[in-house]
Amino acid sequence: MEPSSGSRDARPAVPPVAAVLPAGGSGERLGGATPKQFCAVQGRPLVSYTVRAMERIGWISDIIVVVSPENIETMKSIIEKYGHKRVTVVKGGITRHRSIFNGLKVFAENEFSNHLLQKPEVVIIHDAVRPFVEEDILSKVVMAAKEHGAAGAIRPLVSTVIASGTDGCLDHSLERSRYRASEMPQAFLFDIIYEAYQQCTDYDLDYGTECLHLALKYCKTNAKLVEGTADLWKVTYKRDLYAAESIIKDNLSQQVCVITNMKEVVAQVGSLLCESLQSQIKVSTTLCIHLQNILSGQCYSFVCVNDTKCAIQETQQLLDVLEKSNISLLYPVVLILVHLDVSENISFSIGMEELARLKKFAREVKKKNILVYGLLIQYK
C-alpha cells in the first residue's frame, strides 16, 4: 500500500477530514469482464470521476481508495495518468465491510501501512461508483457527524417494499412514507466507526452492508439522516453507464470560464460577455493573474478576453497552465481567444508575425486535445 506520486496539498490547521472509497466490487450485476468502477465513461474510468469529486474539495486531506488485490496496479496507473493528488491505494478484503475496515486501518495500524496518515476527526465513506457527489452534501454529512457521531444521506423510496412468505406469496408490505433508502455519502467521527469495526463479528464483516448500523449496534450512536439529492445514485447496471455519460456530457456543455485582465476595457467586455451568457449556461470568471483557479472546477470551455498589446504573452501563459493541468487528457478543451484592438487608428494592431505565432500555438496544442479559436475585434 503506497501513496500516489503526486504532491500533497497543505494540511489544514484543524483536524482533517478524510475519505474512504470502497472500490473492490466485481461488477457482477453490470455484466462483462471489467468491474464497473474501472469501466470507461467518456474515455475515463468511473472511479477517476469520484476521486476527482473528492480531491477538488480542499478540506478533504486524504482520499483512500480500496481495491481488490488484482486491481492495485490498475488503480495506481489511473492516479498517475490523471494526476490525482492526496490518494492512497489500499488492498481490499473479500467483502465490502472488510474493505472499508482496511481503509480505516491506514490511519491507525502501522502493520497495515508503510506509514501512518494523520488520523482525521471525521471520515467520509462513499462508494467509488457514485461519481456525482457534490461538496454541499459532503459538508452537510460531515457537520452532522461532528455533532451526532454519525450521519448519512437518504432518499425517498421509489418503490414499495414487500415481504414474501415461504410459499412465494405476498406476506406484507411496508408503509413507504415511513421508510427511506440509505445512500452515500456517510460520515463518522473516526474513533466511533473504527471502534465499531474493531468490535463487530465476522458475520457482520461478511454479510453486513450498512455502516450506520455498525455505529448504532456497537457504539450506541444514532446517525443523523440527511436528505440527499437525486444525483447520488449508484452505477450498478450497464444502462447506468450510459446515464452517467449523458450527465457528464451535459455538465461539460453547460459551463464556461471567462478570463480577463485588469485593464478597464477588457474587464468591461468580459462583464458584458458574462451577462449575455448567464441566461444560457453556467459562467465563472477569473483574472489572468489567477489562472490556477480555473482548474479547481470541472470546466473545459474558456473564453480569454485581452487587448492586442498583451495577446501573445497572455495566450502563451494560459496555454501553459492548461497543458500542465492535464485536464485535456479527458475531454477536448475549447479555448476562444477574443483580442480587442483598441488603437486609435483603424488598422489591425496584431501583425502578420503575431498572427502566425498564434496559429502555431493552435496547431501545437491541438495535438494535446486543446482546440484554440481566435476572434479579433476592433473596439471603440
Protein backbone atom coordinates (compact mmCIF):
# COMPACT_ATOMS: atom_id res chain seq x y z
CA MET A 1 0.00 0.00 0.00
CA GLU A 2 1.58 3.23 -1.12
CA PRO A 3 0.52 6.84 -1.58
CA SER A 4 0.34 8.15 -5.10
CA SER A 5 3.30 10.01 -6.51
CA GLY A 6 1.53 13.38 -6.63
CA SER A 7 2.48 16.10 -4.16
CA ARG A 8 0.18 16.69 -1.23
CA ASP A 9 -1.62 19.96 -0.63
CA ALA A 10 -1.00 21.94 2.55
CA ARG A 11 -2.84 20.43 5.51
CA PRO A 12 -5.43 22.50 7.37
CA ALA A 13 -4.68 23.52 10.94
CA VAL A 14 -7.85 21.87 12.23
CA PRO A 15 -8.14 18.08 12.49
CA PRO A 16 -8.61 16.84 8.93
CA VAL A 17 -11.44 15.13 7.17
CA ALA A 18 -10.54 12.04 5.15
CA ALA A 19 -12.50 9.96 2.66
CA VAL A 20 -12.56 6.19 2.18
CA LEU A 21 -13.80 4.97 -1.20
CA PRO A 22 -14.52 1.22 -1.38
CA ALA A 23 -13.82 0.18 -4.98
CA GLY A 24 -13.34 -3.55 -4.72
CA GLY A 25 -16.56 -4.79 -6.31
CA SER A 26 -16.51 -7.33 -9.11
CA GLY A 27 -19.36 -5.76 -11.07
CA GLU A 28 -21.39 -8.96 -11.42
CA ARG A 29 -24.67 -7.10 -11.90
CA LEU A 30 -23.10 -4.93 -14.60
CA GLY A 31 -22.01 -7.89 -16.67
CA GLY A 32 -18.76 -8.05 -18.63
CA ALA A 33 -15.19 -8.69 -17.56
CA THR A 34 -14.35 -5.17 -16.34
CA PRO A 35 -15.50 -4.17 -12.82
CA LYS A 36 -17.84 -1.18 -13.07
CA GLN A 37 -15.50 1.17 -11.18
CA PHE A 38 -12.94 0.75 -13.97
CA CYS A 39 -15.37 0.99 -16.88
CA ALA A 40 -14.68 3.93 -19.18
CA VAL A 41 -17.19 6.76 -19.29
CA GLN A 42 -16.29 9.30 -21.96
CA GLY A 43 -12.87 7.67 -22.10
CA ARG A 44 -12.14 7.92 -18.37
CA PRO A 45 -12.56 5.23 -15.66
CA LEU A 46 -15.61 5.80 -13.48
CA VAL A 47 -13.56 5.71 -10.26
CA SER A 48 -11.48 8.65 -11.53
CA TYR A 49 -14.57 10.88 -11.61
CA THR A 50 -15.34 10.03 -7.98
CA VAL A 51 -11.76 10.66 -6.88
CA ARG A 52 -11.84 13.98 -8.74
CA ALA A 53 -15.06 14.96 -6.96
CA MET A 54 -13.29 14.42 -3.63
CA GLU A 55 -9.91 15.94 -4.40
CA ARG A 56 -11.31 19.24 -5.63
CA ILE A 57 -12.60 19.81 -2.09
CA GLY A 58 -9.71 21.41 -0.22
CA TRP A 59 -10.78 20.38 3.28
CA ILE A 60 -10.55 16.66 2.47
CA SER A 61 -6.95 15.89 3.39
CA ASP A 62 -6.63 12.25 2.33
CA ILE A 63 -8.51 10.01 -0.10
CA ILE A 64 -8.23 6.25 0.46
CA VAL A 65 -9.25 4.07 -2.48
CA VAL A 66 -9.73 0.42 -1.52
CA VAL A 67 -9.45 -2.03 -4.42
CA SER A 68 -9.12 -5.78 -4.82
CA PRO A 69 -5.51 -7.08 -4.85
CA GLU A 70 -5.55 -7.79 -8.59
CA ASN A 71 -6.54 -4.17 -9.36
CA ILE A 72 -3.97 -2.31 -7.26
CA GLU A 73 -1.66 -1.61 -10.20
CA THR A 74 -4.63 -0.59 -12.36
CA MET A 75 -5.68 1.95 -9.76
CA LYS A 76 -2.15 3.30 -9.38
CA SER A 77 -1.91 3.78 -13.14
CA ILE A 78 -5.20 5.72 -13.11
CA ILE A 79 -3.85 8.00 -10.39
CA GLU A 80 -0.69 8.59 -12.37
CA LYS A 81 -2.42 9.16 -15.71
CA TYR A 82 -4.98 11.66 -14.45
CA GLY A 83 -2.73 13.40 -11.94
CA HIS A 84 -4.81 12.65 -8.85
CA LYS A 85 -3.44 14.04 -5.60
CA ARG A 86 -3.71 13.07 -1.91
CA VAL A 87 -4.69 9.50 -2.85
CA THR A 88 -3.57 6.28 -1.16
CA VAL A 89 -4.39 2.88 -2.67
CA VAL A 90 -5.24 0.11 -0.21
CA LYS A 91 -5.74 -3.62 -0.71
CA GLY A 92 -9.35 -4.58 -0.10
CA GLY A 93 -10.89 -7.54 1.68
CA ILE A 94 -13.28 -10.18 0.40
CA THR A 95 -16.39 -8.18 1.38
CA ARG A 96 -17.43 -4.54 1.43
CA HIS A 97 -17.13 -4.17 5.22
CA ARG A 98 -13.71 -5.83 5.28
CA SER A 99 -12.53 -3.45 2.56
CA ILE A 100 -13.76 -0.39 4.44
CA PHE A 101 -12.09 -1.67 7.61
CA ASN A 102 -8.80 -1.99 5.70
CA GLY A 103 -9.19 1.59 4.51
CA LEU A 104 -9.67 2.84 8.08
CA LYS A 105 -6.61 0.93 9.30
CA VAL A 106 -4.35 3.24 7.28
CA PHE A 107 -4.90 5.85 9.99
CA ALA A 108 -4.48 3.58 12.99
CA GLU A 109 -2.30 0.50 12.40
CA ASN A 110 1.37 0.62 11.41
CA GLU A 111 1.35 -3.02 10.37
CA PHE A 112 -1.14 -2.24 7.63
CA SER A 113 0.79 0.58 6.01
CA ASN A 114 4.31 1.78 5.27
CA HIS A 115 3.41 4.91 7.18
CA LEU A 116 0.51 6.26 9.20
CA LEU A 117 -1.57 9.07 7.73
CA GLN A 118 -2.80 11.76 10.07
CA LYS A 119 -5.89 10.46 11.85
CA PRO A 120 -8.92 12.50 10.83
CA GLU A 121 -11.56 13.82 13.15
CA VAL A 122 -14.23 12.81 10.64
CA VAL A 123 -14.06 10.18 7.92
CA ILE A 124 -16.35 10.10 4.90
CA ILE A 125 -17.31 6.73 3.41
CA HIS A 126 -18.51 6.94 -0.16
CA ASP A 127 -18.92 4.42 -2.96
CA ALA A 128 -16.41 4.76 -5.78
CA VAL A 129 -19.25 4.20 -8.26
CA ARG A 130 -21.24 7.26 -7.18
CA PRO A 131 -19.37 9.91 -9.18
CA PHE A 132 -21.76 12.86 -8.96
CA VAL A 133 -21.38 13.75 -5.29
CA GLU A 134 -21.20 17.50 -4.61
CA GLU A 135 -19.45 19.47 -1.89
CA ASP A 136 -22.77 20.63 -0.39
CA ILE A 137 -23.98 17.16 0.64
CA LEU A 138 -20.47 16.16 1.78
CA SER A 139 -20.33 19.24 4.00
CA LYS A 140 -23.77 18.51 5.43
CA VAL A 141 -22.99 14.92 6.43
CA VAL A 142 -19.59 15.92 7.85
CA MET A 143 -21.08 18.67 10.02
CA ALA A 144 -23.87 16.33 11.15
CA ALA A 145 -21.30 13.65 12.03
CA LYS A 146 -19.31 16.13 14.12
CA GLU A 147 -22.45 16.84 16.12
CA HIS A 148 -24.05 13.38 16.29
CA GLY A 149 -21.13 11.00 15.76
CA ALA A 150 -22.52 9.58 12.51
CA ALA A 151 -24.57 10.81 9.58
CA GLY A 152 -25.73 9.54 6.22
CA ALA A 153 -27.54 10.68 3.11
CA ILE A 154 -31.01 9.29 2.48
CA ARG A 155 -33.54 9.42 -0.36
CA PRO A 156 -37.27 8.66 -0.56
CA LEU A 157 -38.15 5.13 -1.59
CA VAL A 158 -39.19 4.91 -5.23
CA SER A 159 -40.93 1.55 -4.97
CA THR A 160 -42.93 -0.05 -2.21
CA VAL A 161 -41.02 -2.71 -0.24
CA ILE A 162 -42.83 -6.02 0.22
CA ALA A 163 -42.04 -9.28 2.01
CA SER A 164 -42.92 -12.69 0.63
CA GLY A 165 -43.79 -15.78 2.57
CA THR A 166 -42.16 -19.21 2.24
CA ASP A 167 -44.78 -20.09 -0.36
CA GLY A 168 -43.68 -17.22 -2.60
CA CYS A 169 -46.85 -15.22 -1.98
CA LEU A 170 -47.17 -11.74 -0.51
CA ASP A 171 -46.79 -11.69 3.26
CA HIS A 172 -46.91 -7.96 3.97
CA SER A 173 -45.78 -4.58 2.63
CA LEU A 174 -44.13 -1.63 4.33
CA GLU A 175 -45.66 1.82 4.50
CA ARG A 176 -43.38 3.59 2.04
CA SER A 177 -43.77 7.06 3.59
CA ARG A 178 -42.18 5.82 6.85
CA TYR A 179 -39.00 4.46 5.23
CA ARG A 180 -36.05 5.89 3.34
CA ALA A 181 -33.33 4.48 1.12
CA SER A 182 -29.87 4.69 2.67
CA GLU A 183 -27.44 6.31 0.25
CA MET A 184 -23.88 7.59 0.25
CA PRO A 185 -22.01 9.63 1.36
CA GLN A 186 -21.90 8.77 5.03
CA ALA A 187 -19.65 10.37 7.63
CA PHE A 188 -18.48 9.37 11.11
CA LEU A 189 -16.29 10.55 13.90
CA PHE A 190 -13.26 8.40 13.14
CA ASP A 191 -12.97 6.95 16.65
CA ILE A 192 -16.61 5.81 16.58
CA ILE A 193 -16.60 3.98 13.25
CA TYR A 194 -13.15 2.49 13.85
CA GLU A 195 -14.24 1.14 17.24
CA ALA A 196 -17.40 -0.27 15.66
CA TYR A 197 -15.35 -2.18 13.07
CA GLN A 198 -12.98 -3.45 15.75
CA GLN A 199 -15.87 -4.85 17.77
CA CYS A 200 -18.06 -6.28 15.04
CA THR A 201 -18.29 -10.01 14.40
CA ASP A 202 -17.12 -12.00 11.40
CA TYR A 203 -20.77 -12.35 10.45
CA ASP A 204 -21.13 -8.55 10.33
CA LEU A 205 -17.96 -8.23 8.26
CA ASP A 206 -19.00 -10.94 5.82
CA TYR A 207 -22.72 -10.26 5.38
CA GLY A 208 -23.39 -6.70 6.55
CA THR A 209 -23.71 -3.74 4.19
CA GLU A 210 -24.75 -0.76 6.34
CA CYS A 211 -22.04 1.26 8.11
CA LEU A 212 -24.58 3.35 10.03
CA HIS A 213 -25.94 0.16 11.57
CA LEU A 214 -22.49 -0.82 12.87
CA ALA A 215 -22.13 2.56 14.62
CA LEU A 216 -25.54 2.07 16.23
CA LYS A 217 -25.04 -1.57 17.18
CA TYR A 218 -21.56 -1.34 18.69
CA CYS A 219 -21.18 2.31 19.73
CA LYS A 220 -24.80 3.25 20.51
CA THR A 221 -24.51 6.12 18.03
CA ASN A 222 -27.76 7.20 16.39
CA ALA A 223 -26.88 8.59 12.99
CA LYS A 224 -28.33 11.87 11.79
CA LEU A 225 -30.12 11.29 8.49
CA VAL A 226 -29.55 14.00 5.86
CA GLU A 227 -31.82 14.38 2.85
CA GLY A 228 -29.72 13.76 -0.25
CA THR A 229 -30.04 14.89 -3.83
CA ALA A 230 -31.20 12.88 -6.83
CA ASP A 231 -27.68 12.63 -8.27
CA LEU A 232 -26.36 10.35 -5.51
CA TRP A 233 -27.38 7.22 -7.39
CA LYS A 234 -25.02 4.30 -7.77
CA VAL A 235 -23.81 2.92 -11.09
CA THR A 236 -24.95 -0.70 -10.87
CA TYR A 237 -26.15 -1.88 -14.27
CA LYS A 238 -24.87 -1.33 -17.79
CA ARG A 239 -27.63 1.16 -18.52
CA ASP A 240 -26.32 3.30 -15.65
CA LEU A 241 -23.05 3.81 -17.54
CA TYR A 242 -24.99 5.37 -20.42
CA ALA A 243 -26.88 7.60 -17.98
CA ALA A 244 -23.60 8.68 -16.36
CA GLU A 245 -22.11 9.51 -19.75
CA SER A 246 -25.15 11.63 -20.62
CA ILE A 247 -24.89 13.59 -17.36
CA ILE A 248 -21.18 14.23 -17.86
CA LYS A 249 -21.71 15.46 -21.42
CA ASP A 250 -24.48 17.76 -20.28
CA ASN A 251 -22.37 19.19 -17.46
CA LEU A 252 -19.47 19.90 -19.81
CA SER A 253 -21.64 21.72 -22.33
CA GLN A 254 -23.21 23.95 -19.70
CA GLN A 255 -20.10 25.60 -18.23
CA VAL A 256 -17.69 28.26 -19.47
CA CYS A 257 -14.99 30.32 -17.77
CA VAL A 258 -14.37 33.89 -18.96
CA ILE A 259 -10.80 35.08 -18.36
CA THR A 260 -9.90 38.79 -18.40
CA ASN A 261 -7.11 41.09 -17.18
CA MET A 262 -7.12 44.26 -15.08
CA LYS A 263 -7.49 46.71 -17.98
CA GLU A 264 -10.76 48.59 -17.91
CA VAL A 265 -11.85 47.99 -21.48
CA VAL A 266 -11.06 44.26 -21.25
CA ALA A 267 -12.92 43.90 -17.95
CA GLN A 268 -15.88 45.76 -19.44
CA VAL A 269 -16.13 43.47 -22.45
CA GLY A 270 -15.68 40.43 -20.21
CA SER A 271 -18.51 41.62 -17.98
CA LEU A 272 -20.83 42.18 -20.95
CA LEU A 273 -19.99 38.71 -22.26
CA CYS A 274 -20.80 37.11 -18.90
CA GLU A 275 -24.13 38.92 -18.71
CA SER A 276 -25.16 37.70 -22.15
CA LEU A 277 -24.16 34.09 -21.43
CA GLN A 278 -25.54 33.68 -17.90
CA SER A 279 -29.11 33.14 -19.06
CA GLN A 280 -28.00 30.15 -21.15
CA ILE A 281 -25.10 28.42 -19.35
CA LYS A 282 -23.15 28.42 -16.09
CA VAL A 283 -20.48 31.13 -16.25
CA SER A 284 -17.50 31.76 -13.99
CA THR A 285 -14.87 34.48 -14.27
CA THR A 286 -11.24 34.86 -13.26
CA LEU A 287 -8.28 37.15 -13.89
CA CYS A 288 -5.17 36.13 -15.81
CA ILE A 289 -3.15 36.53 -12.62
CA HIS A 290 -5.31 33.83 -11.02
CA LEU A 291 -5.12 31.27 -13.79
CA GLN A 292 -4.62 28.33 -11.43
CA ASN A 293 -8.13 28.96 -10.08
CA ILE A 294 -9.70 27.85 -13.37
CA LEU A 295 -8.63 24.29 -12.65
CA SER A 296 -10.46 23.99 -9.32
CA GLY A 297 -13.74 23.16 -11.08
CA GLN A 298 -14.67 20.85 -13.93
CA CYS A 299 -14.74 23.37 -16.77
CA TYR A 300 -13.42 22.58 -20.23
CA SER A 301 -14.53 25.68 -22.15
CA PHE A 302 -12.76 29.02 -21.80
CA VAL A 303 -13.05 32.48 -23.32
CA CYS A 304 -9.97 34.66 -22.85
CA VAL A 305 -10.52 38.39 -23.44
CA ASN A 306 -7.45 40.62 -23.78
CA ASP A 307 -6.15 43.50 -25.84
CA THR A 308 -3.79 43.04 -28.73
CA LYS A 309 -0.80 44.51 -26.87
CA CYS A 310 -0.57 41.54 -24.48
CA ALA A 311 -2.31 38.90 -26.60
CA ILE A 312 0.74 36.73 -27.24
CA GLN A 313 2.01 36.77 -23.65
CA GLU A 314 -1.35 36.01 -22.03
CA THR A 315 -2.21 33.35 -24.60
CA GLN A 316 1.07 31.54 -24.01
CA GLN A 317 0.61 31.78 -20.23
CA LEU A 318 -2.89 30.33 -20.42
CA LEU A 319 -1.88 27.50 -22.74
CA ASP A 320 0.99 26.59 -20.42
CA VAL A 321 -1.42 26.31 -17.48
CA LEU A 322 -3.88 24.18 -19.46
CA GLU A 323 -1.16 21.85 -20.72
CA LYS A 324 0.38 21.32 -17.27
CA SER A 325 -3.03 20.66 -15.72
CA ASN A 326 -3.61 17.51 -17.82
CA ILE A 327 -7.36 18.25 -17.95
CA SER A 328 -7.30 17.72 -21.71
CA LEU A 329 -6.46 14.06 -21.16
CA LEU A 330 -10.16 13.52 -20.51
CA TYR A 331 -12.06 15.82 -22.89
CA PRO A 332 -11.19 18.33 -25.58
CA VAL A 333 -10.57 21.75 -24.06
CA VAL A 334 -12.03 24.63 -26.06
CA LEU A 335 -10.26 27.99 -25.80
CA ILE A 336 -11.71 31.02 -27.59
CA LEU A 337 -9.30 33.97 -27.75
CA VAL A 338 -11.00 37.37 -28.04
CA HIS A 339 -8.40 40.04 -28.88
CA LEU A 340 -9.56 43.65 -28.62
CA ASP A 341 -7.97 46.22 -30.93
CA VAL A 342 -8.36 49.47 -29.00
CA SER A 343 -5.93 51.54 -31.08
CA GLU A 344 -6.98 54.94 -32.37
CA ASN A 345 -6.16 54.11 -35.93
CA ILE A 346 -8.46 51.78 -37.81
CA SER A 347 -5.92 49.10 -38.52
CA PHE A 348 -5.04 45.65 -37.30
CA SER A 349 -2.65 46.02 -34.36
CA ILE A 350 -1.66 42.37 -34.47
CA GLY A 351 0.85 41.99 -37.28
CA MET A 352 1.29 39.03 -39.52
CA GLU A 353 4.13 37.75 -37.36
CA GLU A 354 1.97 37.68 -34.24
CA LEU A 355 -0.90 36.03 -36.12
CA ALA A 356 1.48 33.36 -37.36
CA ARG A 357 2.60 32.70 -33.78
CA LEU A 358 -0.99 32.30 -32.62
CA LYS A 359 -1.70 29.86 -35.45
CA LYS A 360 1.41 27.94 -34.47
CA PHE A 361 0.17 27.77 -30.85
CA ALA A 362 -3.15 26.40 -32.10
CA ARG A 363 -1.53 23.69 -34.24
CA GLU A 364 0.77 22.56 -31.42
CA VAL A 365 -1.83 22.35 -28.67
CA LYS A 366 -4.40 20.66 -30.92
CA LYS A 367 -2.18 17.59 -30.68
CA LYS A 368 -2.76 17.76 -26.90
CA ASN A 369 -6.56 17.93 -27.25
CA ILE A 370 -6.78 21.73 -26.79
CA LEU A 371 -8.78 23.45 -29.54
CA VAL A 372 -7.95 27.14 -29.99
CA TYR A 373 -10.13 29.63 -31.88
CA GLY A 374 -9.42 33.32 -32.36
CA LEU A 375 -11.51 36.45 -32.77
CA LEU A 376 -10.12 39.94 -33.40
CA ILE A 377 -12.48 42.80 -32.55
CA GLN A 378 -11.95 46.48 -33.20
CA TYR A 379 -13.36 48.09 -30.09
CA LYS A 380 -14.16 51.80 -29.83
